[in-house]
Amino acid sequence: MQELIIYALLFAALIGHTLLAGKMYRKVHENPKLSIQEKNDWKLKALIFPGYYWYKYKNSGSAL
Protein backbone atom coordinates (compact mmCIF):
# COMPACT_ATOMS: atom_id res chain seq x y z
CA MET A 1 0.00 0.00 0.00
CA GLN A 2 2.84 2.35 0.83
CA GLU A 3 4.39 1.73 -2.58
CA LEU A 4 1.11 2.65 -4.27
CA ILE A 5 0.98 5.96 -2.37
CA ILE A 6 4.55 6.76 -3.42
CA TYR A 7 3.74 6.01 -7.07
CA ALA A 8 0.59 8.15 -6.88
CA LEU A 9 2.55 11.10 -5.48
CA LEU A 10 5.24 10.74 -8.14
CA PHE A 11 2.58 10.57 -10.83
CA ALA A 12 0.87 13.70 -9.49
CA ALA A 13 4.20 15.54 -9.41
CA LEU A 14 4.93 14.46 -13.00
CA ILE A 15 1.51 15.61 -14.22
CA GLY A 16 1.90 18.96 -12.43
CA HIS A 17 5.36 19.41 -13.91
CA THR A 18 4.07 18.65 -17.40
CA LEU A 19 1.06 20.97 -17.16
CA LEU A 20 3.09 23.90 -15.83
CA ALA A 21 5.81 23.40 -18.44
CA GLY A 22 3.15 23.30 -21.18
CA LYS A 23 1.52 26.47 -19.89
CA MET A 24 4.84 28.31 -19.83
CA TYR A 25 5.74 26.92 -23.26
CA ARG A 26 2.51 28.36 -24.75
CA LYS A 27 2.92 31.76 -23.09
CA VAL A 28 6.52 32.10 -24.24
CA HIS A 29 5.64 31.01 -27.78
CA GLU A 30 2.85 33.63 -28.00
CA ASN A 31 5.10 36.50 -26.87
CA PRO A 32 5.98 38.65 -29.92
CA LYS A 33 8.57 40.69 -27.95
CA LEU A 34 11.00 37.77 -27.66
CA SER A 35 13.49 36.72 -30.31
CA ILE A 36 13.73 33.11 -31.43
CA GLN A 37 16.83 32.63 -29.26
CA GLU A 38 15.09 34.04 -26.16
CA LYS A 39 12.00 31.90 -26.80
CA ASN A 40 14.12 28.77 -27.11
CA ASP A 41 16.00 29.68 -23.94
CA TRP A 42 12.81 30.12 -21.90
CA LYS A 43 11.28 26.95 -23.38
CA LEU A 44 14.32 24.90 -22.44
CA LYS A 45 14.22 26.30 -18.92
CA ALA A 46 10.50 25.43 -18.75
CA LEU A 47 11.33 21.78 -19.36
CA ILE A 48 13.82 21.65 -16.49
CA PHE A 49 12.23 23.60 -13.59
CA PRO A 50 8.89 25.00 -14.79
CA GLY A 51 7.73 26.41 -11.44
CA TYR A 52 10.90 28.32 -10.71
CA TYR A 53 11.34 29.69 -14.23
CA TRP A 54 7.64 30.53 -14.59
CA TYR A 55 8.07 32.81 -11.57
CA LYS A 56 11.24 34.34 -13.06
CA TYR A 57 9.57 34.78 -16.48
CA LYS A 58 6.54 36.53 -14.94
CA ASN A 59 8.79 38.91 -12.97
CA SER A 60 11.03 39.68 -15.93
CA GLY A 61 10.16 42.42 -18.37
CA SER A 62 9.62 39.95 -21.21
CA ALA A 63 6.30 38.54 -19.99
CA LEU A 64 3.12 39.80 -21.64
PDB file of N, CA and C in Angstrom:
ATOM      1  N   MET A   1       0.825  -1.197   0.000  1.00  0.00           N
ATOM      2  CA  MET A   1       0.000   0.000   0.000  1.00  0.00           C
ATOM      3  C   MET A   1       0.869   1.260   0.000  1.00  0.00           C
ATOM      4  N   GLN A   2       1.950   1.202   0.754  1.00  0.00           N
ATOM      5  CA  GLN A   2       2.842   2.353   0.833  1.00  0.00           C
ATOM      6  C   GLN A   2       3.483   2.634  -0.533  1.00  0.00           C
ATOM      7  N   GLU A   3       3.797   1.575  -1.249  1.00  0.00           N
ATOM      8  CA  GLU A   3       4.388   1.727  -2.580  1.00  0.00           C
ATOM      9  C   GLU A   3       3.400   2.400  -3.534  1.00  0.00           C
ATOM     10  N   LEU A   4       2.136   2.049  -3.424  1.00  0.00           N
ATOM     11  CA  LEU A   4       1.105   2.653  -4.268  1.00  0.00           C
ATOM     12  C   LEU A   4       0.967   4.150  -3.988  1.00  0.00           C
ATOM     13  N   ILE A   5       1.062   4.543  -2.743  1.00  0.00           N
ATOM     14  CA  ILE A   5       0.981   5.960  -2.374  1.00  0.00           C
ATOM     15  C   ILE A   5       2.173   6.718  -2.942  1.00  0.00           C
ATOM     16  N   ILE A   6       3.348   6.119  -2.871  1.00  0.00           N
ATOM     17  CA  ILE A   6       4.545   6.763  -3.422  1.00  0.00           C
ATOM     18  C   ILE A   6       4.405   6.949  -4.930  1.00  0.00           C
ATOM     19  N   TYR A   7       3.929   5.910  -5.622  1.00  0.00           N
ATOM     20  CA  TYR A   7       3.735   6.013  -7.070  1.00  0.00           C
ATOM     21  C   TYR A   7       2.689   7.061  -7.414  1.00  0.00           C
ATOM     22  N   ALA A   8       1.630   7.153  -6.624  1.00  0.00           N
ATOM     23  CA  ALA A   8       0.592   8.148  -6.877  1.00  0.00           C
ATOM     24  C   ALA A   8       1.137   9.564  -6.704  1.00  0.00           C
ATOM     25  N   LEU A   9       1.947   9.780  -5.688  1.00  0.00           N
ATOM     26  CA  LEU A   9       2.546  11.101  -5.479  1.00  0.00           C
ATOM     27  C   LEU A   9       3.525  11.455  -6.596  1.00  0.00           C
ATOM     28  N   LEU A  10       4.324  10.501  -7.023  1.00  0.00           N
ATOM     29  CA  LEU A  10       5.240  10.737  -8.140  1.00  0.00           C
ATOM     30  C   LEU A  10       4.483  11.045  -9.429  1.00  0.00           C
ATOM     31  N   PHE A  11       3.404  10.323  -9.655  1.00  0.00           N
ATOM     32  CA  PHE A  11       2.580  10.569 -10.835  1.00  0.00           C
ATOM     33  C   PHE A  11       1.953  11.953 -10.787  1.00  0.00           C
ATOM     34  N   ALA A  12       1.456  12.360  -9.640  1.00  0.00           N
ATOM     35  CA  ALA A  12       0.870  13.696  -9.490  1.00  0.00           C
ATOM     36  C   ALA A  12       1.919  14.782  -9.710  1.00  0.00           C
ATOM     37  N   ALA A  13       3.122  14.569  -9.203  1.00  0.00           N
ATOM     38  CA  ALA A  13       4.199  15.536  -9.412  1.00  0.00           C
ATOM     39  C   ALA A  13       4.569  15.616 -10.893  1.00  0.00           C
ATOM     40  N   LEU A  14       4.609  14.491 -11.572  1.00  0.00           N
ATOM     41  CA  LEU A  14       4.934  14.464 -12.998  1.00  0.00           C
ATOM     42  C   LEU A  14       3.855  15.168 -13.820  1.00  0.00           C
ATOM     43  N   ILE A  15       2.610  14.943 -13.503  1.00  0.00           N
ATOM     44  CA  ILE A  15       1.513  15.611 -14.215  1.00  0.00           C
ATOM     45  C   ILE A  15       1.563  17.114 -13.975  1.00  0.00           C
ATOM     46  N   GLY A  16       1.791  17.535 -12.739  1.00  0.00           N
ATOM     47  CA  GLY A  16       1.898  18.961 -12.432  1.00  0.00           C
ATOM     48  C   GLY A  16       3.060  19.604 -13.166  1.00  0.00           C
ATOM     49  N   HIS A  17       4.182  18.925 -13.200  1.00  0.00           N
ATOM     50  CA  HIS A  17       5.361  19.415 -13.908  1.00  0.00           C
ATOM     51  C   HIS A  17       5.050  19.591 -15.394  1.00  0.00           C
ATOM     52  N   THR A  18       4.406  18.608 -15.979  1.00  0.00           N
ATOM     53  CA  THR A  18       4.071  18.646 -17.401  1.00  0.00           C
ATOM     54  C   THR A  18       3.089  19.765 -17.716  1.00  0.00           C
ATOM     55  N   LEU A  19       2.067  19.928 -16.902  1.00  0.00           N
ATOM     56  CA  LEU A  19       1.065  20.967 -17.156  1.00  0.00           C
ATOM     57  C   LEU A  19       1.658  22.370 -17.022  1.00  0.00           C
ATOM     58  N   LEU A  20       2.476  22.580 -16.009  1.00  0.00           N
ATOM     59  CA  LEU A  20       3.089  23.898 -15.827  1.00  0.00           C
ATOM     60  C   LEU A  20       4.090  24.194 -16.937  1.00  0.00           C
ATOM     61  N   ALA A  21       4.861  23.203 -17.346  1.00  0.00           N
ATOM     62  CA  ALA A  21       5.807  23.401 -18.443  1.00  0.00           C
ATOM     63  C   ALA A  21       5.059  23.714 -19.734  1.00  0.00           C
ATOM     64  N   GLY A  22       3.962  23.035 -19.980  1.00  0.00           N
ATOM     65  CA  GLY A  22       3.154  23.297 -21.178  1.00  0.00           C
ATOM     66  C   GLY A  22       2.549  24.690 -21.168  1.00  0.00           C
ATOM     67  N   LYS A  23       2.096  25.125 -20.009  1.00  0.00           N
ATOM     68  CA  LYS A  23       1.523  26.467 -19.888  1.00  0.00           C
ATOM     69  C   LYS A  23       2.584  27.533 -20.175  1.00  0.00           C
ATOM     70  N   MET A  24       3.767  27.353 -19.597  1.00  0.00           N
ATOM     71  CA  MET A  24       4.837  28.315 -19.834  1.00  0.00           C
ATOM     72  C   MET A  24       5.278  28.276 -21.290  1.00  0.00           C
ATOM     73  N   TYR A  25       5.350  27.097 -21.862  1.00  0.00           N
ATOM     74  CA  TYR A  25       5.742  26.924 -23.258  1.00  0.00           C
ATOM     75  C   TYR A  25       4.815  27.728 -24.172  1.00  0.00           C
ATOM     76  N   ARG A  26       3.495  27.619 -23.935  1.00  0.00           N
ATOM     77  CA  ARG A  26       2.514  28.358 -24.751  1.00  0.00           C
ATOM     78  C   ARG A  26       2.664  29.863 -24.579  1.00  0.00           C
ATOM     79  N   LYS A  27       2.802  30.322 -23.347  1.00  0.00           N
ATOM     80  CA  LYS A  27       2.925  31.761 -23.090  1.00  0.00           C
ATOM     81  C   LYS A  27       4.175  32.339 -23.734  1.00  0.00           C
ATOM     82  N   VAL A  28       5.275  31.625 -23.644  1.00  0.00           N
ATOM     83  CA  VAL A  28       6.523  32.099 -24.239  1.00  0.00           C
ATOM     84  C   VAL A  28       6.390  32.118 -25.758  1.00  0.00           C
ATOM     85  N   HIS A  29       5.785  31.092 -26.325  1.00  0.00           N
ATOM     86  CA  HIS A  29       5.642  31.013 -27.780  1.00  0.00           C
ATOM     87  C   HIS A  29       4.765  32.135 -28.327  1.00  0.00           C
ATOM     88  N   GLU A  30       3.768  32.567 -27.563  1.00  0.00           N
ATOM     89  CA  GLU A  30       2.850  33.629 -28.004  1.00  0.00           C
ATOM     90  C   GLU A  30       3.440  35.028 -27.865  1.00  0.00           C
ATOM     91  N   ASN A  31       4.533  35.186 -27.157  1.00  0.00           N
ATOM     92  CA  ASN A  31       5.100  36.502 -26.874  1.00  0.00           C
ATOM     93  C   ASN A  31       5.848  37.048 -28.091  1.00  0.00           C
ATOM     94  N   PRO A  32       5.325  38.115 -28.721  1.00  0.00           N
ATOM     95  CA  PRO A  32       5.984  38.655 -29.922  1.00  0.00           C
ATOM     96  C   PRO A  32       7.231  39.493 -29.598  1.00  0.00           C
ATOM     97  N   LYS A  33       7.420  39.871 -28.339  1.00  0.00           N
ATOM     98  CA  LYS A  33       8.572  40.690 -27.949  1.00  0.00           C
ATOM     99  C   LYS A  33       9.884  39.903 -27.950  1.00  0.00           C
ATOM    100  N   LEU A  34       9.792  38.591 -27.809  1.00  0.00           N
ATOM    101  CA  LEU A  34      10.997  37.773 -27.664  1.00  0.00           C
ATOM    102  C   LEU A  34      11.535  37.330 -29.022  1.00  0.00           C
ATOM    103  N   SER A  35      12.860  37.267 -29.109  1.00  0.00           N
ATOM    104  CA  SER A  35      13.489  36.724 -30.307  1.00  0.00           C
ATOM    105  C   SER A  35      13.400  35.201 -30.261  1.00  0.00           C
ATOM    106  N   ILE A  36      13.748  34.572 -31.367  1.00  0.00           N
ATOM    107  CA  ILE A  36      13.729  33.113 -31.428  1.00  0.00           C
ATOM    108  C   ILE A  36      14.685  32.522 -30.384  1.00  0.00           C
ATOM    109  N   GLN A  37      15.847  33.120 -30.241  1.00  0.00           N
ATOM    110  CA  GLN A  37      16.833  32.633 -29.258  1.00  0.00           C
ATOM    111  C   GLN A  37      16.291  32.740 -27.834  1.00  0.00           C
ATOM    112  N   GLU A  38      15.649  33.865 -27.507  1.00  0.00           N
ATOM    113  CA  GLU A  38      15.086  34.039 -26.162  1.00  0.00           C
ATOM    114  C   GLU A  38      13.938  33.060 -25.921  1.00  0.00           C
ATOM    115  N   LYS A  39      13.104  32.859 -26.939  1.00  0.00           N
ATOM    116  CA  LYS A  39      12.002  31.898 -26.796  1.00  0.00           C
ATOM    117  C   LYS A  39      12.546  30.502 -26.527  1.00  0.00           C
ATOM    118  N   ASN A  40      13.544  30.104 -27.302  1.00  0.00           N
ATOM    119  CA  ASN A  40      14.123  28.774 -27.110  1.00  0.00           C
ATOM    120  C   ASN A  40      14.761  28.637 -25.733  1.00  0.00           C
ATOM    121  N   ASP A  41      15.387  29.699 -25.264  1.00  0.00           N
ATOM    122  CA  ASP A  41      16.003  29.679 -23.935  1.00  0.00           C
ATOM    123  C   ASP A  41      14.948  29.482 -22.852  1.00  0.00           C
ATOM    124  N   TRP A  42      13.873  30.249 -22.904  1.00  0.00           N
ATOM    125  CA  TRP A  42      12.809  30.117 -21.900  1.00  0.00           C
ATOM    126  C   TRP A  42      12.119  28.757 -21.999  1.00  0.00           C
ATOM    127  N   LYS A  43      11.928  28.255 -23.225  1.00  0.00           N
ATOM    128  CA  LYS A  43      11.276  26.951 -23.385  1.00  0.00           C
ATOM    129  C   LYS A  43      12.136  25.837 -22.801  1.00  0.00           C
ATOM    130  N   LEU A  44      13.440  25.902 -23.007  1.00  0.00           N
ATOM    131  CA  LEU A  44      14.324  24.896 -22.440  1.00  0.00           C
ATOM    132  C   LEU A  44      14.301  24.950 -20.915  1.00  0.00           C
ATOM    133  N   LYS A  45      14.292  26.158 -20.379  1.00  0.00           N
ATOM    134  CA  LYS A  45      14.216  26.301 -18.923  1.00  0.00           C
ATOM    135  C   LYS A  45      12.891  25.751 -18.393  1.00  0.00           C
ATOM    136  N   ALA A  46      11.815  25.919 -19.169  1.00  0.00           N
ATOM    137  CA  ALA A  46      10.501  25.426 -18.747  1.00  0.00           C
ATOM    138  C   ALA A  46      10.492  23.907 -18.629  1.00  0.00           C
ATOM    139  N   LEU A  47      11.298  23.233 -19.421  1.00  0.00           N
ATOM    140  CA  LEU A  47      11.332  21.782 -19.356  1.00  0.00           C
ATOM    141  C   LEU A  47      12.095  21.272 -18.134  1.00  0.00           C
ATOM    142  N   ILE A  48      12.977  22.089 -17.601  1.00  0.00           N
ATOM    143  CA  ILE A  48      13.817  21.650 -16.487  1.00  0.00           C
ATOM    144  C   ILE A  48      13.127  21.922 -15.143  1.00  0.00           C
ATOM    145  N   PHE A  49      12.886  23.193 -14.841  1.00  0.00           N
ATOM    146  CA  PHE A  49      12.227  23.602 -13.587  1.00  0.00           C
ATOM    147  C   PHE A  49      11.105  24.582 -13.914  1.00  0.00           C
ATOM    148  N   PRO A  50       9.937  24.087 -14.323  1.00  0.00           N
ATOM    149  CA  PRO A  50       8.892  24.999 -14.792  1.00  0.00           C
ATOM    150  C   PRO A  50       8.367  25.951 -13.720  1.00  0.00           C
ATOM    151  N   GLY A  51       8.250  25.535 -12.491  1.00  0.00           N
ATOM    152  CA  GLY A  51       7.730  26.409 -11.438  1.00  0.00           C
ATOM    153  C   GLY A  51       8.647  27.577 -11.158  1.00  0.00           C
ATOM    154  N   TYR A  52       9.909  27.280 -11.006  1.00  0.00           N
ATOM    155  CA  TYR A  52      10.898  28.324 -10.709  1.00  0.00           C
ATOM    156  C   TYR A  52      11.025  29.299 -11.875  1.00  0.00           C
ATOM    157  N   TYR A  53      11.144  28.801 -13.083  1.00  0.00           N
ATOM    158  CA  TYR A  53      11.343  29.687 -14.228  1.00  0.00           C
ATOM    159  C   TYR A  53      10.053  30.387 -14.655  1.00  0.00           C
ATOM    160  N   TRP A  54       8.900  29.825 -14.334  1.00  0.00           N
ATOM    161  CA  TRP A  54       7.639  30.535 -14.588  1.00  0.00           C
ATOM    162  C   TRP A  54       7.592  31.793 -13.723  1.00  0.00           C
ATOM    163  N   TYR A  55       8.012  31.669 -12.478  1.00  0.00           N
ATOM    164  CA  TYR A  55       8.069  32.814 -11.567  1.00  0.00           C
ATOM    165  C   TYR A  55       9.062  33.854 -12.088  1.00  0.00           C
ATOM    166  N   LYS A  56      10.236  33.405 -12.529  1.00  0.00           N
ATOM    167  CA  LYS A  56      11.241  34.335 -13.057  1.00  0.00           C
ATOM    168  C   LYS A  56      10.769  34.984 -14.357  1.00  0.00           C
ATOM    169  N   TYR A  57      10.082  34.236 -15.214  1.00  0.00           N
ATOM    170  CA  TYR A  57       9.573  34.776 -16.478  1.00  0.00           C
ATOM    171  C   TYR A  57       8.510  35.839 -16.209  1.00  0.00           C
ATOM    172  N   LYS A  58       7.604  35.573 -15.274  1.00  0.00           N
ATOM    173  CA  LYS A  58       6.544  36.528 -14.944  1.00  0.00           C
ATOM    174  C   LYS A  58       7.122  37.813 -14.367  1.00  0.00           C
ATOM    175  N   ASN A  59       8.195  37.721 -13.582  1.00  0.00           N
ATOM    176  CA  ASN A  59       8.795  38.909 -12.969  1.00  0.00           C
ATOM    177  C   ASN A  59       9.770  39.633 -13.881  1.00  0.00           C
ATOM    178  N   SER A  60      10.140  39.001 -14.987  1.00  0.00           N
ATOM    179  CA  SER A  60      11.033  39.678 -15.934  1.00  0.00           C
ATOM    180  C   SER A  60      10.213  40.624 -16.801  1.00  0.00           C
ATOM    181  N   GLY A  61      10.861  41.474 -17.513  1.00  0.00           N
ATOM    182  CA  GLY A  61      10.158  42.423 -18.372  1.00  0.00           C
ATOM    183  C   GLY A  61       9.676  41.814 -19.672  1.00  0.00           C
ATOM    184  N   SER A  62       9.976  40.545 -19.932  1.00  0.00           N
ATOM    185  CA  SER A  62       9.618  39.949 -21.208  1.00  0.00           C
ATOM    186  C   SER A  62       8.241  39.283 -21.203  1.00  0.00           C
ATOM    187  N   ALA A  63       7.615  39.164 -20.042  1.00  0.00           N
ATOM    188  CA  ALA A  63       6.297  38.535 -19.985  1.00  0.00           C
ATOM    189  C   ALA A  63       5.243  39.513 -20.501  1.00  0.00           C
ATOM    190  N   LEU A  64       4.207  38.963 -21.107  1.00  0.00           N
ATOM    191  CA  LEU A  64       3.116  39.799 -21.637  1.00  0.00           C
ATOM    192  C   LEU A  64       2.276  40.368 -20.532  1.00  0.00           C
TER     193      LEU A  64
END
